[in-house]
Structure formats: C-alpha cells, structure tokens
Amino acid sequence: MPYLFLLVAGLLEVAWAFSMKQSAGFTRLWPTVATLVLMLGSFSLLAVAMRSLPLGTAYAIWTGIGAIGAFAVGILVLGEAATPMRLAAAGLIGSGIILMKVSS
C-alpha cells in the first residue's frame, strides 16, 4: 500500500508542476489554487508512504516520478523538445527509480 500512496503522490507532483507552469508565476488565480491543493495532496501522500518506506527510497521514487512525468507532460502537452540527450537522461532517471525499488 505505501507504494500505491507513493505513486499517487508522484502523479500529483506532475499535476502540480503543470498547474504551476499554467499559473504564470502565480499571477493566475485558479492555476495557483490548483497548484497549492495538488501540492498539499502530494506532500500528504508522500508523508503517509514514508511511515513505512525508507526516506531515501521514498523521496527518490517520488521525485523521479515527478521528474519523468513533468518531462513527459512538457513534451506531449507543451511541445517541448524531445532530443536524444533529454530522452537518455529521462531513461537514466527511470532506471534509478527501478533500482531504488528493487533494492528496498
């Protein structure tokens, strides 16, 4: 169950990163509100997952999901570049997440 909480926390991290981008530096009300609500949800679920998972494992997986997810949203939704070097970097982050999970 802690890994499910961690997965949802990571997906909420992706959502709040996207809504933060949409807030234009916190100058737009509703994306700013969404950012804060999603952050609260993400941090709360991360805290619940950390009750039974090691700090390093939980935090690395949470940030990894957020990083890869935000990277994917940037490419798929915002039209950001998908260069070979950026794709390789995302692959390395993904590999690190898998290794963290396997080693814990």
Protein backbone atom coordinates (compact mmCIF):
# COMPACT_ATOMS: atom_id res chain seq x y z
CA MET A 1 0.00 0.00 0.00
CA PRO A 2 2.80 2.52 0.69
CA TYR A 3 3.97 2.22 -2.91
CA LEU A 4 0.45 2.99 -4.15
CA PHE A 5 0.40 6.13 -1.99
CA LEU A 6 3.83 6.99 -3.36
CA LEU A 7 2.70 6.50 -6.95
CA VAL A 8 -0.32 8.76 -6.48
CA ALA A 9 1.85 11.32 -4.67
CA GLY A 10 4.22 11.31 -7.65
CA LEU A 11 1.37 11.74 -10.13
CA LEU A 12 0.05 14.65 -8.07
CA GLU A 13 3.54 16.13 -8.22
CA VAL A 14 3.33 16.05 -12.01
CA ALA A 15 -0.08 17.70 -11.85
CA TRP A 16 1.08 20.48 -9.53
CA ALA A 17 4.16 21.14 -11.65
CA PHE A 18 1.93 21.52 -14.71
CA SER A 19 -0.53 23.76 -12.88
CA MET A 20 2.38 25.85 -11.58
CA LYS A 21 3.51 26.36 -15.17
CA GLN A 22 -0.05 27.37 -16.07
CA SER A 23 -0.16 29.85 -13.16
CA ALA A 24 2.38 32.09 -14.98
CA GLY A 25 4.42 32.74 -11.86
CA PHE A 26 1.39 32.65 -9.56
CA THR A 27 -0.27 35.52 -11.42
CA ARG A 28 -3.36 33.49 -12.45
CA LEU A 29 -5.74 32.63 -9.61
CA TRP A 30 -7.18 29.20 -10.46
CA PRO A 31 -3.97 27.54 -11.61
CA THR A 32 -2.34 28.91 -8.44
CA VAL A 33 -5.11 27.45 -6.27
CA ALA A 34 -4.83 24.14 -8.12
CA THR A 35 -1.06 24.14 -7.55
CA LEU A 36 -1.44 24.61 -3.81
CA VAL A 37 -4.18 21.97 -3.45
CA LEU A 38 -2.24 19.43 -5.53
CA MET A 39 0.94 20.15 -3.57
CA LEU A 40 -0.87 19.53 -0.30
CA GLY A 41 -2.21 16.22 -1.61
CA SER A 42 1.16 15.16 -2.96
CA PHE A 43 3.05 16.01 0.22
CA SER A 44 0.40 14.36 2.39
CA LEU A 45 0.52 11.08 0.48
CA LEU A 46 4.32 11.19 0.47
CA ALA A 47 4.23 11.58 4.26
CA VAL A 48 1.88 8.60 4.61
CA ALA A 49 4.13 6.46 2.39
CA MET A 50 7.19 7.48 4.41
CA ARG A 51 5.69 5.96 7.55
CA SER A 52 6.81 2.56 6.30
CA LEU A 53 9.31 3.26 3.50
CA PRO A 54 12.91 4.37 3.92
CA LEU A 55 13.40 8.11 3.44
CA GLY A 56 15.87 7.80 0.58
CA THR A 57 13.79 5.29 -1.33
CA ALA A 58 10.51 7.15 -0.92
CA TYR A 59 11.94 10.55 -1.79
CA ALA A 60 13.91 9.28 -4.78
CA ILE A 61 10.90 7.48 -6.24
CA TRP A 62 8.59 10.47 -5.61
CA THR A 63 10.93 12.96 -7.25
CA GLY A 64 11.69 10.52 -10.07
CA ILE A 65 8.01 10.06 -10.90
CA GLY A 66 7.64 13.84 -10.80
CA ALA A 67 10.67 14.47 -12.97
CA ILE A 68 9.82 11.91 -15.64
CA GLY A 69 6.14 12.80 -15.55
CA ALA A 70 6.79 16.52 -15.86
CA PHE A 71 9.26 15.79 -18.66
CA ALA A 72 6.60 13.76 -20.50
CA VAL A 73 3.91 16.41 -19.98
CA GLY A 74 6.33 19.04 -21.25
CA ILE A 75 6.88 17.09 -24.45
CA LEU A 76 3.35 15.79 -25.02
CA VAL A 77 1.29 18.79 -23.86
CA LEU A 78 3.56 21.81 -24.02
CA GLY A 79 5.52 20.92 -27.15
CA GLU A 80 8.96 20.92 -25.52
CA ALA A 81 11.90 19.35 -27.33
CA ALA A 82 12.43 15.58 -27.15
CA THR A 83 16.12 15.48 -28.00
CA PRO A 84 18.09 12.22 -27.73
CA MET A 85 20.09 13.60 -24.78
CA ARG A 86 16.93 14.58 -22.84
CA LEU A 87 15.37 11.17 -23.56
CA ALA A 88 18.53 9.42 -22.38
CA ALA A 89 18.53 11.49 -19.17
CA ALA A 90 14.89 10.55 -18.52
CA GLY A 91 15.80 6.91 -19.12
CA LEU A 92 18.58 7.14 -16.55
CA ILE A 93 16.18 8.64 -14.01
CA GLY A 94 13.73 5.82 -14.71
CA SER A 95 16.49 3.25 -14.28
CA GLY A 96 17.39 4.82 -10.95
CA ILE A 97 13.78 4.58 -9.76
CA ILE A 98 13.65 0.89 -10.69
CA LEU A 99 16.94 0.20 -8.91
CA MET A 100 15.73 2.05 -5.80
CA LYS A 101 12.54 -0.03 -5.74
CA VAL A 102 14.38 -3.32 -6.29
CA SER A 103 16.99 -2.57 -3.64
CA SER A 104 14.50 -1.72 -0.89
